[in-house]
Amino acid sequence: MERSPFLLDSDREFRVNIWDFGGQEIYHATHQFFLTKRSLYALVADTRKEDTDFYYWLNVVELLSGNSPLLIIKNEKQERKREINERELRRGFTNFQETLTTNLATESRSARNLK
């Protein structure tokens, strides 16, 4: 876990906690201890593997976080693109906000607003 405090304009502190769940099934039972209400969740998917179970992760966040908002970040390494059925995910999960694309290897970023 990595903790990063930020100071807001109002001099109030805003805290960011970053966890890498890794996705292995053996750890699924522990996720409930880390998900909280009033949070923003970012699901980072490696597009080279195409093994991210979006339905599992969106269900977990929806059930355990009080319907906190969730972003999907597609890490398009080696220029491999992955299509996600965002319309279907939006129908099933009201907390799904937006999909962003990036290449974390080159740090070139682009965002696509789907609202």
PDB file of N, CA and C in Angstrom:
ATOM      1  N   MET A   1       0.841  -1.177   0.000  1.00  0.00           N
ATOM      2  CA  MET A   1       0.000   0.000   0.000  1.00  0.00           C
ATOM      3  C   MET A   1       0.881   1.233   0.000  1.00  0.00           C
ATOM      4  N   GLU A   2       0.435   2.225  -0.720  1.00  0.00           N
ATOM      5  CA  GLU A   2       1.133   3.498  -0.766  1.00  0.00           C
ATOM      6  C   GLU A   2       0.161   4.578  -0.317  1.00  0.00           C
ATOM      7  N   ARG A   3       0.587   5.444   0.597  1.00  0.00           N
ATOM      8  CA  ARG A   3      -0.250   6.550   1.061  1.00  0.00           C
ATOM      9  C   ARG A   3       0.337   7.858   0.581  1.00  0.00           C
ATOM     10  N   SER A   4      -0.527   8.707   0.062  1.00  0.00           N
ATOM     11  CA  SER A   4      -0.083  10.002  -0.439  1.00  0.00           C
ATOM     12  C   SER A   4      -1.063  11.072   0.014  1.00  0.00           C
ATOM     13  N   PRO A   5      -0.643  11.971   0.933  1.00  0.00           N
ATOM     14  CA  PRO A   5      -1.530  13.067   1.338  1.00  0.00           C
ATOM     15  C   PRO A   5      -1.418  14.238   0.362  1.00  0.00           C
ATOM     16  N   PHE A   6      -2.530  14.907   0.113  1.00  0.00           N
ATOM     17  CA  PHE A   6      -2.576  16.094  -0.732  1.00  0.00           C
ATOM     18  C   PHE A   6      -3.270  17.189   0.055  1.00  0.00           C
ATOM     19  N   LEU A   7      -2.830  18.414  -0.122  1.00  0.00           N
ATOM     20  CA  LEU A   7      -3.472  19.545   0.514  1.00  0.00           C
ATOM     21  C   LEU A   7      -4.425  20.190  -0.485  1.00  0.00           C
ATOM     22  N   LEU A   8      -5.681  20.349  -0.095  1.00  0.00           N
ATOM     23  CA  LEU A   8      -6.670  21.010  -0.935  1.00  0.00           C
ATOM     24  C   LEU A   8      -6.545  22.520  -0.789  1.00  0.00           C
ATOM     25  N   ASP A   9      -7.195  23.276  -1.644  1.00  0.00           N
ATOM     26  CA  ASP A   9      -7.165  24.741  -1.561  1.00  0.00           C
ATOM     27  C   ASP A   9      -7.664  25.246  -0.215  1.00  0.00           C
ATOM     28  N   SER A  10      -8.547  24.502   0.407  1.00  0.00           N
ATOM     29  CA  SER A  10      -9.117  24.901   1.688  1.00  0.00           C
ATOM     30  C   SER A  10      -8.215  24.518   2.863  1.00  0.00           C
ATOM     31  N   ASP A  11      -6.983  24.086   2.580  1.00  0.00           N
ATOM     32  CA  ASP A  11      -6.015  23.618   3.584  1.00  0.00           C
ATOM     33  C   ASP A  11      -6.446  22.329   4.271  1.00  0.00           C
ATOM     34  N   ARG A  12      -7.468  21.694   3.744  1.00  0.00           N
ATOM     35  CA  ARG A  12      -7.863  20.383   4.255  1.00  0.00           C
ATOM     36  C   ARG A  12      -7.028  19.328   3.564  1.00  0.00           C
ATOM     37  N   GLU A  13      -6.710  18.278   4.306  1.00  0.00           N
ATOM     38  CA  GLU A  13      -5.899  17.213   3.726  1.00  0.00           C
ATOM     39  C   GLU A  13      -6.784  16.182   3.039  1.00  0.00           C
ATOM     40  N   PHE A  14      -6.352  15.764   1.898  1.00  0.00           N
ATOM     41  CA  PHE A  14      -7.027  14.739   1.100  1.00  0.00           C
ATOM     42  C   PHE A  14      -6.069  13.566   1.039  1.00  0.00           C
ATOM     43  N   ARG A  15      -6.505  12.385   1.425  1.00  0.00           N
ATOM     44  CA  ARG A  15      -5.620  11.230   1.493  1.00  0.00           C
ATOM     45  C   ARG A  15      -5.914  10.248   0.369  1.00  0.00           C
ATOM     46  N   VAL A  16      -4.860   9.742  -0.242  1.00  0.00           N
ATOM     47  CA  VAL A  16      -4.973   8.745  -1.294  1.00  0.00           C
ATOM     48  C   VAL A  16      -4.280   7.477  -0.810  1.00  0.00           C
ATOM     49  N   ASN A  17      -4.992   6.372  -0.849  1.00  0.00           N
ATOM     50  CA  ASN A  17      -4.414   5.062  -0.560  1.00  0.00           C
ATOM     51  C   ASN A  17      -4.440   4.256  -1.845  1.00  0.00           C
ATOM     52  N   ILE A  18      -3.315   3.661  -2.199  1.00  0.00           N
ATOM     53  CA  ILE A  18      -3.230   2.886  -3.436  1.00  0.00           C
ATOM     54  C   ILE A  18      -2.880   1.447  -3.080  1.00  0.00           C
ATOM     55  N   TRP A  19      -3.732   0.512  -3.525  1.00  0.00           N
ATOM     56  CA  TRP A  19      -3.489  -0.909  -3.316  1.00  0.00           C
ATOM     57  C   TRP A  19      -3.451  -1.603  -4.667  1.00  0.00           C
ATOM     58  N   ASP A  20      -2.602  -2.568  -4.776  1.00  0.00           N
ATOM     59  CA  ASP A  20      -2.568  -3.419  -5.963  1.00  0.00           C
ATOM     60  C   ASP A  20      -3.078  -4.785  -5.531  1.00  0.00           C
ATOM     61  N   PHE A  21      -4.316  -5.093  -5.893  1.00  0.00           N
ATOM     62  CA  PHE A  21      -4.907  -6.368  -5.504  1.00  0.00           C
ATOM     63  C   PHE A  21      -4.355  -7.533  -6.306  1.00  0.00           C
ATOM     64  N   GLY A  22      -3.756  -7.266  -7.429  1.00  0.00           N
ATOM     65  CA  GLY A  22      -3.143  -8.326  -8.215  1.00  0.00           C
ATOM     66  C   GLY A  22      -4.137  -9.217  -8.932  1.00  0.00           C
ATOM     67  N   GLY A  23      -5.295  -9.443  -8.366  1.00  0.00           N
ATOM     68  CA  GLY A  23      -6.337 -10.190  -9.046  1.00  0.00           C
ATOM     69  C   GLY A  23      -6.349 -11.684  -8.825  1.00  0.00           C
ATOM     70  N   GLN A  24      -5.352 -12.230  -8.128  1.00  0.00           N
ATOM     71  CA  GLN A  24      -5.354 -13.679  -7.923  1.00  0.00           C
ATOM     72  C   GLN A  24      -6.552 -14.083  -7.060  1.00  0.00           C
ATOM     73  N   GLU A  25      -7.193 -15.129  -7.474  1.00  0.00           N
ATOM     74  CA  GLU A  25      -8.413 -15.578  -6.802  1.00  0.00           C
ATOM     75  C   GLU A  25      -8.191 -15.884  -5.320  1.00  0.00           C
ATOM     76  N   ILE A  26      -7.020 -16.332  -4.964  1.00  0.00           N
ATOM     77  CA  ILE A  26      -6.744 -16.687  -3.571  1.00  0.00           C
ATOM     78  C   ILE A  26      -6.895 -15.488  -2.632  1.00  0.00           C
ATOM     79  N   TYR A  27      -6.750 -14.281  -3.158  1.00  0.00           N
ATOM     80  CA  TYR A  27      -6.850 -13.069  -2.342  1.00  0.00           C
ATOM     81  C   TYR A  27      -8.236 -12.425  -2.353  1.00  0.00           C
ATOM     82  N   HIS A  28      -9.160 -12.934  -3.119  1.00  0.00           N
ATOM     83  CA  HIS A  28     -10.476 -12.300  -3.253  1.00  0.00           C
ATOM     84  C   HIS A  28     -11.174 -12.074  -1.922  1.00  0.00           C
ATOM     85  N   ALA A  29     -11.037 -12.984  -0.990  1.00  0.00           N
ATOM     86  CA  ALA A  29     -11.717 -12.847   0.305  1.00  0.00           C
ATOM     87  C   ALA A  29     -11.191 -11.662   1.112  1.00  0.00           C
ATOM     88  N   THR A  30      -9.977 -11.207   0.830  1.00  0.00           N
ATOM     89  CA  THR A  30      -9.404 -10.095   1.594  1.00  0.00           C
ATOM     90  C   THR A  30      -9.843  -8.730   1.077  1.00  0.00           C
ATOM     91  N   HIS A  31     -10.398  -8.638  -0.109  1.00  0.00           N
ATOM     92  CA  HIS A  31     -10.758  -7.345  -0.700  1.00  0.00           C
ATOM     93  C   HIS A  31     -11.740  -6.576   0.175  1.00  0.00           C
ATOM     94  N   GLN A  32     -12.620  -7.282   0.867  1.00  0.00           N
ATOM     95  CA  GLN A  32     -13.632  -6.625   1.682  1.00  0.00           C
ATOM     96  C   GLN A  32     -13.029  -5.745   2.773  1.00  0.00           C
ATOM     97  N   PHE A  33     -11.800  -6.008   3.168  1.00  0.00           N
ATOM     98  CA  PHE A  33     -11.161  -5.232   4.226  1.00  0.00           C
ATOM     99  C   PHE A  33     -10.587  -3.905   3.730  1.00  0.00           C
ATOM    100  N   PHE A  34     -10.497  -3.717   2.443  1.00  0.00           N
ATOM    101  CA  PHE A  34      -9.866  -2.526   1.881  1.00  0.00           C
ATOM    102  C   PHE A  34     -10.843  -1.587   1.185  1.00  0.00           C
ATOM    103  N   LEU A  35     -12.014  -2.061   0.843  1.00  0.00           N
ATOM    104  CA  LEU A  35     -12.977  -1.243   0.116  1.00  0.00           C
ATOM    105  C   LEU A  35     -13.836  -0.462   1.100  1.00  0.00           C
ATOM    106  N   THR A  36     -13.926   0.846   0.891  1.00  0.00           N
ATOM    107  CA  THR A  36     -14.664   1.705   1.799  1.00  0.00           C
ATOM    108  C   THR A  36     -15.600   2.618   1.022  1.00  0.00           C
ATOM    109  N   LYS A  37     -16.547   3.200   1.731  1.00  0.00           N
ATOM    110  CA  LYS A  37     -17.455   4.182   1.141  1.00  0.00           C
ATOM    111  C   LYS A  37     -16.711   5.496   0.959  1.00  0.00           C
ATOM    112  N   ARG A  38     -17.315   6.386   0.150  1.00  0.00           N
ATOM    113  CA  ARG A  38     -16.755   7.709  -0.101  1.00  0.00           C
ATOM    114  C   ARG A  38     -15.353   7.624  -0.682  1.00  0.00           C
ATOM    115  N   SER A  39     -15.190   6.745  -1.633  1.00  0.00           N
ATOM    116  CA  SER A  39     -13.896   6.550  -2.284  1.00  0.00           C
ATOM    117  C   SER A  39     -14.078   6.610  -3.791  1.00  0.00           C
ATOM    118  N   LEU A  40     -12.978   6.742  -4.487  1.00  0.00           N
ATOM    119  CA  LEU A  40     -12.958   6.648  -5.941  1.00  0.00           C
ATOM    120  C   LEU A  40     -12.075   5.470  -6.286  1.00  0.00           C
ATOM    121  N   TYR A  41     -12.578   4.567  -7.111  1.00  0.00           N
ATOM    122  CA  TYR A  41     -11.840   3.359  -7.469  1.00  0.00           C
ATOM    123  C   TYR A  41     -11.384   3.425  -8.910  1.00  0.00           C
ATOM    124  N   ALA A  42     -10.154   2.990  -9.140  1.00  0.00           N
ATOM    125  CA  ALA A  42      -9.589   2.926 -10.482  1.00  0.00           C
ATOM    126  C   ALA A  42      -9.176   1.484 -10.743  1.00  0.00           C
ATOM    127  N   LEU A  43      -9.790   0.873 -11.736  1.00  0.00           N
ATOM    128  CA  LEU A  43      -9.458  -0.484 -12.145  1.00  0.00           C
ATOM    129  C   LEU A  43      -8.502  -0.388 -13.329  1.00  0.00           C
ATOM    130  N   VAL A  44      -7.261  -0.792 -13.124  1.00  0.00           N
ATOM    131  CA  VAL A  44      -6.251  -0.734 -14.180  1.00  0.00           C
ATOM    132  C   VAL A  44      -6.179  -2.103 -14.845  1.00  0.00           C
ATOM    133  N   ALA A  45      -6.419  -2.135 -16.148  1.00  0.00           N
ATOM    134  CA  ALA A  45      -6.426  -3.390 -16.901  1.00  0.00           C
ATOM    135  C   ALA A  45      -5.275  -3.405 -17.891  1.00  0.00           C
ATOM    136  N   ASP A  46      -4.522  -4.492 -17.908  1.00  0.00           N
ATOM    137  CA  ASP A  46      -3.419  -4.680 -18.852  1.00  0.00           C
ATOM    138  C   ASP A  46      -4.013  -5.238 -20.138  1.00  0.00           C
ATOM    139  N   THR A  47      -3.987  -4.457 -21.209  1.00  0.00           N
ATOM    140  CA  THR A  47      -4.653  -4.874 -22.445  1.00  0.00           C
ATOM    141  C   THR A  47      -3.923  -5.998 -23.166  1.00  0.00           C
ATOM    142  N   ARG A  48      -2.671  -6.282 -22.807  1.00  0.00           N
ATOM    143  CA  ARG A  48      -1.940  -7.361 -23.473  1.00  0.00           C
ATOM    144  C   ARG A  48      -2.508  -8.727 -23.097  1.00  0.00           C
ATOM    145  N   LYS A  49      -3.063  -8.840 -21.894  1.00  0.00           N
ATOM    146  CA  LYS A  49      -3.505 -10.141 -21.403  1.00  0.00           C
ATOM    147  C   LYS A  49      -4.982 -10.406 -21.652  1.00  0.00           C
ATOM    148  N   GLU A  50      -5.794  -9.372 -21.630  1.00  0.00           N
ATOM    149  CA  GLU A  50      -7.241  -9.498 -21.812  1.00  0.00           C
ATOM    150  C   GLU A  50      -7.865 -10.501 -20.845  1.00  0.00           C
ATOM    151  N   ASP A  51      -7.353 -10.525 -19.608  1.00  0.00           N
ATOM    152  CA  ASP A  51      -7.903 -11.456 -18.626  1.00  0.00           C
ATOM    153  C   ASP A  51      -8.574 -10.754 -17.449  1.00  0.00           C
ATOM    154  N   THR A  52      -8.773  -9.443 -17.543  1.00  0.00           N
ATOM    155  CA  THR A  52      -9.426  -8.718 -16.457  1.00  0.00           C
ATOM    156  C   THR A  52     -10.906  -9.066 -16.448  1.00  0.00           C
ATOM    157  N   ASP A  53     -11.385  -9.501 -15.296  1.00  0.00           N
ATOM    158  CA  ASP A  53     -12.800  -9.825 -15.129  1.00  0.00           C
ATOM    159  C   ASP A  53     -13.520  -8.563 -14.651  1.00  0.00           C
ATOM    160  N   PHE A  54     -13.934  -7.726 -15.582  1.00  0.00           N
ATOM    161  CA  PHE A  54     -14.556  -6.453 -15.235  1.00  0.00           C
ATOM    162  C   PHE A  54     -15.809  -6.643 -14.407  1.00  0.00           C
ATOM    163  N   TYR A  55     -16.599  -7.662 -14.716  1.00  0.00           N
ATOM    164  CA  TYR A  55     -17.837  -7.887 -13.968  1.00  0.00           C
ATOM    165  C   TYR A  55     -17.540  -8.209 -12.506  1.00  0.00           C
ATOM    166  N   TYR A  56     -16.530  -9.007 -12.253  1.00  0.00           N
ATOM    167  CA  TYR A  56     -16.156  -9.326 -10.866  1.00  0.00           C
ATOM    168  C   TYR A  56     -15.800  -8.045 -10.116  1.00  0.00           C
ATOM    169  N   TRP A  57     -14.886  -7.252 -10.685  1.00  0.00           N
ATOM    170  CA  TRP A  57     -14.401  -6.067  -9.987  1.00  0.00           C
ATOM    171  C   TRP A  57     -15.480  -5.013  -9.818  1.00  0.00           C
ATOM    172  N   LEU A  58     -16.308  -4.793 -10.817  1.00  0.00           N
ATOM    173  CA  LEU A  58     -17.381  -3.819 -10.671  1.00  0.00           C
ATOM    174  C   LEU A  58     -18.405  -4.275  -9.638  1.00  0.00           C
ATOM    175  N   ASN A  59     -18.696  -5.572  -9.609  1.00  0.00           N
ATOM    176  CA  ASN A  59     -19.592  -6.108  -8.574  1.00  0.00           C
ATOM    177  C   ASN A  59     -19.022  -5.898  -7.183  1.00  0.00           C
ATOM    178  N   VAL A  60     -17.756  -6.200  -6.982  1.00  0.00           N
ATOM    179  CA  VAL A  60     -17.117  -6.059  -5.672  1.00  0.00           C
ATOM    180  C   VAL A  60     -17.172  -4.610  -5.210  1.00  0.00           C
ATOM    181  N   VAL A  61     -16.800  -3.691  -6.087  1.00  0.00           N
ATOM    182  CA  VAL A  61     -16.818  -2.277  -5.711  1.00  0.00           C
ATOM    183  C   VAL A  61     -18.234  -1.815  -5.414  1.00  0.00           C
ATOM    184  N   GLU A  62     -19.178  -2.215  -6.243  1.00  0.00           N
ATOM    185  CA  GLU A  62     -20.568  -1.808  -6.037  1.00  0.00           C
ATOM    186  C   GLU A  62     -21.105  -2.325  -4.700  1.00  0.00           C
ATOM    187  N   LEU A  63     -20.827  -3.563  -4.375  1.00  0.00           N
ATOM    188  CA  LEU A  63     -21.369  -4.175  -3.164  1.00  0.00           C
ATOM    189  C   LEU A  63     -20.691  -3.707  -1.882  1.00  0.00           C
ATOM    190  N   LEU A  64     -19.388  -3.484  -1.926  1.00  0.00           N
ATOM    191  CA  LEU A  64     -18.636  -3.230  -0.699  1.00  0.00           C
ATOM    192  C   LEU A  64     -18.261  -1.769  -0.478  1.00  0.00           C
ATOM    193  N   SER A  65     -18.583  -0.905  -1.408  1.00  0.00           N
ATOM    194  CA  SER A  65     -18.125   0.478  -1.270  1.00  0.00           C
ATOM    195  C   SER A  65     -19.257   1.497  -1.228  1.00  0.00           C
ATOM    196  N   GLY A  66     -20.463   1.052  -1.036  1.00  0.00           N
ATOM    197  CA  GLY A  66     -21.566   2.004  -1.018  1.00  0.00           C
ATOM    198  C   GLY A  66     -21.767   2.680  -2.361  1.00  0.00           C
ATOM    199  N   ASN A  67     -21.520   1.934  -3.435  1.00  0.00           N
ATOM    200  CA  ASN A  67     -21.703   2.431  -4.802  1.00  0.00           C
ATOM    201  C   ASN A  67     -20.767   3.597  -5.138  1.00  0.00           C
ATOM    202  N   SER A  68     -19.544   3.571  -4.605  1.00  0.00           N
ATOM    203  CA  SER A  68     -18.546   4.597  -4.927  1.00  0.00           C
ATOM    204  C   SER A  68     -18.212   4.552  -6.412  1.00  0.00           C
ATOM    205  N   PRO A  69     -17.854   5.701  -6.993  1.00  0.00           N
ATOM    206  CA  PRO A  69     -17.546   5.729  -8.433  1.00  0.00           C
ATOM    207  C   PRO A  69     -16.305   4.930  -8.788  1.00  0.00           C
ATOM    208  N   LEU A  70     -16.311   4.391 -10.017  1.00  0.00           N
ATOM    209  CA  LEU A  70     -15.208   3.568 -10.502  1.00  0.00           C
ATOM    210  C   LEU A  70     -14.807   4.007 -11.899  1.00  0.00           C
ATOM    211  N   LEU A  71     -13.504   4.115 -12.127  1.00  0.00           N
ATOM    212  CA  LEU A  71     -12.933   4.393 -13.445  1.00  0.00           C
ATOM    213  C   LEU A  71     -12.236   3.135 -13.930  1.00  0.00           C
ATOM    214  N   ILE A  72     -12.283   2.895 -15.222  1.00  0.00           N
ATOM    215  CA  ILE A  72     -11.490   1.820 -15.818  1.00  0.00           C
ATOM    216  C   ILE A  72     -10.349   2.486 -16.581  1.00  0.00           C
ATOM    217  N   ILE A  73      -9.134   2.064 -16.288  1.00  0.00           N
ATOM    218  CA  ILE A  73      -7.957   2.585 -16.969  1.00  0.00           C
ATOM    219  C   ILE A  73      -7.350   1.451 -17.770  1.00  0.00           C
ATOM    220  N   LYS A  74      -7.348   1.613 -19.090  1.00  0.00           N
ATOM    221  CA  LYS A  74      -6.778   0.591 -19.972  1.00  0.00           C
ATOM    222  C   LYS A  74      -5.317   0.935 -20.235  1.00  0.00           C
ATOM    223  N   ASN A  75      -4.427   0.083 -19.754  1.00  0.00           N
ATOM    224  CA  ASN A  75      -2.996   0.261 -19.982  1.00  0.00           C
ATOM    225  C   ASN A  75      -2.648  -0.425 -21.297  1.00  0.00           C
ATOM    226  N   GLU A  76      -2.520   0.369 -22.347  1.00  0.00           N
ATOM    227  CA  GLU A  76      -2.322  -0.174 -23.691  1.00  0.00           C
ATOM    228  C   GLU A  76      -0.836  -0.308 -24.007  1.00  0.00           C
ATOM    229  N   LYS A  77      -0.192  -1.238 -23.332  1.00  0.00           N
ATOM    230  CA  LYS A  77       1.224  -1.518 -23.570  1.00  0.00           C
ATOM    231  C   LYS A  77       1.399  -2.130 -24.951  1.00  0.00           C
ATOM    232  N   GLN A  78       2.551  -1.891 -25.517  1.00  0.00           N
ATOM    233  CA  GLN A  78       2.908  -2.445 -26.825  1.00  0.00           C
ATOM    234  C   GLN A  78       1.838  -2.138 -27.870  1.00  0.00           C
ATOM    235  N   GLU A  79       1.172  -0.994 -27.692  1.00  0.00           N
ATOM    236  CA  GLU A  79       0.164  -0.504 -28.639  1.00  0.00           C
ATOM    237  C   GLU A  79      -0.997  -1.472 -28.864  1.00  0.00           C
ATOM    238  N   ARG A  80      -1.245  -2.371 -27.921  1.00  0.00           N
ATOM    239  CA  ARG A  80      -2.374  -3.299 -28.045  1.00  0.00           C
ATOM    240  C   ARG A  80      -3.614  -2.666 -27.460  1.00  0.00           C
ATOM    241  N   LYS A  81      -4.637  -2.586 -28.251  1.00  0.00           N
ATOM    242  CA  LYS A  81      -5.917  -2.004 -27.845  1.00  0.00           C
ATOM    243  C   LYS A  81      -6.841  -3.109 -27.359  1.00  0.00           C
ATOM    244  N   ARG A  82      -7.772  -2.738 -26.498  1.00  0.00           N
ATOM    245  CA  ARG A  82      -8.786  -3.691 -26.043  1.00  0.00           C
ATOM    246  C   ARG A  82     -10.120  -2.979 -25.993  1.00  0.00           C
ATOM    247  N   GLU A  83     -11.083  -3.561 -26.628  1.00  0.00           N
ATOM    248  CA  GLU A  83     -12.426  -3.010 -26.605  1.00  0.00           C
ATOM    249  C   GLU A  83     -13.163  -3.551 -25.384  1.00  0.00           C
ATOM    250  N   ILE A  84     -13.898  -2.679 -24.750  1.00  0.00           N
ATOM    251  CA  ILE A  84     -14.709  -3.034 -23.584  1.00  0.00           C
ATOM    252  C   ILE A  84     -16.142  -2.644 -23.916  1.00  0.00           C
ATOM    253  N   ASN A  85     -17.080  -3.499 -23.603  1.00  0.00           N
ATOM    254  CA  ASN A  85     -18.483  -3.194 -23.854  1.00  0.00           C
ATOM    255  C   ASN A  85     -18.967  -2.248 -22.753  1.00  0.00           C
ATOM    256  N   GLU A  86     -18.620  -0.977 -22.916  1.00  0.00           N
ATOM    257  CA  GLU A  86     -18.921   0.017 -21.897  1.00  0.00           C
ATOM    258  C   GLU A  86     -20.419   0.246 -21.730  1.00  0.00           C
ATOM    259  N   ARG A  87     -21.147   0.188 -22.821  1.00  0.00           N
ATOM    260  CA  ARG A  87     -22.603   0.379 -22.741  1.00  0.00           C
ATOM    261  C   ARG A  87     -23.234  -0.673 -21.835  1.00  0.00           C
ATOM    262  N   GLU A  88     -22.812  -1.908 -21.988  1.00  0.00           N
ATOM    263  CA  GLU A  88     -23.337  -2.985 -21.147  1.00  0.00           C
ATOM    264  C   GLU A  88     -22.907  -2.805 -19.690  1.00  0.00           C
ATOM    265  N   LEU A  89     -21.657  -2.418 -19.472  1.00  0.00           N
ATOM    266  CA  LEU A  89     -21.187  -2.186 -18.100  1.00  0.00           C
ATOM    267  C   LEU A  89     -21.961  -1.052 -17.439  1.00  0.00           C
ATOM    268  N   ARG A  90     -22.273  -0.003 -18.193  1.00  0.00           N
ATOM    269  CA  ARG A  90     -23.051   1.120 -17.647  1.00  0.00           C
ATOM    270  C   ARG A  90     -24.468   0.696 -17.268  1.00  0.00           C
ATOM    271  N   ARG A  91     -25.053  -0.179 -18.085  1.00  0.00           N
ATOM    272  CA  ARG A  91     -26.403  -0.672 -17.770  1.00  0.00           C
ATOM    273  C   ARG A  91     -26.405  -1.472 -16.469  1.00  0.00           C
ATOM    274  N   GLY A  92     -25.352  -2.221 -16.231  1.00  0.00           N
ATOM    275  CA  GLY A  92     -25.305  -3.073 -15.048  1.00  0.00           C
ATOM    276  C   GLY A  92     -24.747  -2.431 -13.799  1.00  0.00           C
ATOM    277  N   PHE A  93     -23.975  -1.347 -13.961  1.00  0.00           N
ATOM    278  CA  PHE A  93     -23.281  -0.754 -12.823  1.00  0.00           C
ATOM    279  C   PHE A  93     -23.383   0.769 -12.881  1.00  0.00           C
ATOM    280  N   THR A  94     -24.200   1.329 -12.010  1.00  0.00           N
ATOM    281  CA  THR A  94     -24.399   2.778 -12.016  1.00  0.00           C
ATOM    282  C   THR A  94     -23.174   3.527 -11.515  1.00  0.00           C
ATOM    283  N   ASN A  95     -22.271   2.853 -10.839  1.00  0.00           N
ATOM    284  CA  ASN A  95     -21.073   3.519 -10.320  1.00  0.00           C
ATOM    285  C   ASN A  95     -19.951   3.608 -11.357  1.00  0.00           C
ATOM    286  N   PHE A  96     -20.081   2.925 -12.495  1.00  0.00           N
ATOM    287  CA  PHE A  96     -19.066   2.976 -13.554  1.00  0.00           C
ATOM    288  C   PHE A  96     -19.141   4.353 -14.207  1.00  0.00           C
ATOM    289  N   GLN A  97     -18.045   5.124 -14.124  1.00  0.00           N
ATOM    290  CA  GLN A  97     -18.043   6.509 -14.574  1.00  0.00           C
ATOM    291  C   GLN A  97     -17.452   6.726 -15.959  1.00  0.00           C
ATOM    292  N   GLU A  98     -16.243   6.204 -16.170  1.00  0.00           N
ATOM    293  CA  GLU A  98     -15.509   6.592 -17.370  1.00  0.00           C
ATOM    294  C   GLU A  98     -14.398   5.586 -17.652  1.00  0.00           C
ATOM    295  N   THR A  99     -13.986   5.528 -18.915  1.00  0.00           N
ATOM    296  CA  THR A  99     -12.831   4.726 -19.315  1.00  0.00           C
ATOM    297  C   THR A  99     -11.737   5.671 -19.796  1.00  0.00           C
ATOM    298  N   LEU A 100     -10.542   5.450 -19.293  1.00  0.00           N
ATOM    299  CA  LEU A 100      -9.375   6.226 -19.701  1.00  0.00           C
ATOM    300  C   LEU A 100      -8.372   5.269 -20.322  1.00  0.00           C
ATOM    301  N   THR A 101      -7.626   5.749 -21.302  1.00  0.00           N
ATOM    302  CA  THR A 101      -6.580   4.915 -21.887  1.00  0.00           C
ATOM    303  C   THR A 101      -5.232   5.578 -21.665  1.00  0.00           C
ATOM    304  N   THR A 102      -4.228   4.755 -21.465  1.00  0.00           N
ATOM    305  CA  THR A 102      -2.875   5.247 -21.257  1.00  0.00           C
ATOM    306  C   THR A 102      -1.892   4.165 -21.676  1.00  0.00           C
ATOM    307  N   ASN A 103      -0.649   4.541 -21.762  1.00  0.00           N
ATOM    308  CA  ASN A 103       0.432   3.581 -21.939  1.00  0.00           C
ATOM    309  C   ASN A 103       1.424   3.898 -20.835  1.00  0.00           C
ATOM    310  N   LEU A 104       1.352   3.160 -19.743  1.00  0.00           N
ATOM    311  CA  LEU A 104       2.180   3.455 -18.583  1.00  0.00           C
ATOM    312  C   LEU A 104       3.664   3.273 -18.871  1.00  0.00           C
ATOM    313  N   ALA A 105       4.007   2.519 -19.899  1.00  0.00           N
ATOM    314  CA  ALA A 105       5.409   2.339 -20.260  1.00  0.00           C
ATOM    315  C   ALA A 105       5.994   3.611 -20.864  1.00  0.00           C
ATOM    316  N   THR A 106       5.193   4.336 -21.636  1.00  0.00           N
ATOM    317  CA  THR A 106       5.692   5.552 -22.279  1.00  0.00           C
ATOM    318  C   THR A 106       5.138   6.806 -21.642  1.00  0.00           C
ATOM    319  N   GLU A 107       4.161   6.643 -20.769  1.00  0.00           N
ATOM    320  CA  GLU A 107       3.499   7.747 -20.087  1.00  0.00           C
ATOM    321  C   GLU A 107       2.779   8.685 -21.025  1.00  0.00           C
ATOM    322  N   SER A 108       2.498   8.245 -22.252  1.00  0.00           N
ATOM    323  CA  SER A 108       1.648   9.061 -23.115  1.00  0.00           C
ATOM    324  C   SER A 108       0.217   8.782 -22.706  1.00  0.00           C
ATOM    325  N   ARG A 109      -0.546   9.833 -22.532  1.00  0.00           N
ATOM    326  CA  ARG A 109      -1.886   9.649 -22.002  1.00  0.00           C
ATOM    327  C   ARG A 109      -2.921  10.266 -22.931  1.00  0.00           C
ATOM    328  N   SER A 110      -4.036   9.576 -23.000  1.00  0.00           N
ATOM    329  CA  SER A 110      -5.189  10.161 -23.673  1.00  0.00           C
ATOM    330  C   SER A 110      -6.422   9.718 -22.917  1.00  0.00           C
ATOM    331  N   ALA A 111      -7.419  10.535 -22.880  1.00  0.00           N
ATOM    332  CA  ALA A 111      -8.645  10.210 -22.163  1.00  0.00           C
ATOM    333  C   ALA A 111      -9.816  10.355 -23.100  1.00  0.00           C
ATOM    334  N   ARG A 112     -10.807   9.523 -22.866  1.00  0.00           N
ATOM    335  CA  ARG A 112     -12.017   9.565 -23.677  1.00  0.00           C
ATOM    336  C   ARG A 112     -13.186   9.679 -22.716  1.00  0.00           C
ATOM    337  N   ASN A 113     -13.905  10.758 -22.773  1.00  0.00           N
ATOM    338  CA  ASN A 113     -15.043  10.969 -21.893  1.00  0.00           C
ATOM    339  C   ASN A 113     -16.269  10.310 -22.518  1.00  0.00           C
ATOM    340  N   LEU A 114     -16.872   9.401 -21.790  1.00  0.00           N
ATOM    341  CA  LEU A 114     -17.991   8.629 -22.344  1.00  0.00           C
ATOM    342  C   LEU A 114     -19.328   9.007 -21.734  1.00  0.00           C
ATOM    343  N   LYS A 115     -19.415  10.149 -21.111  1.00  0.00           N
ATOM    344  CA  LYS A 115     -20.669  10.545 -20.474  1.00  0.00           C
ATOM    345  C   LYS A 115     -21.644  11.062 -21.485  1.00  0.00           C
TER     346      LYS A 115
END
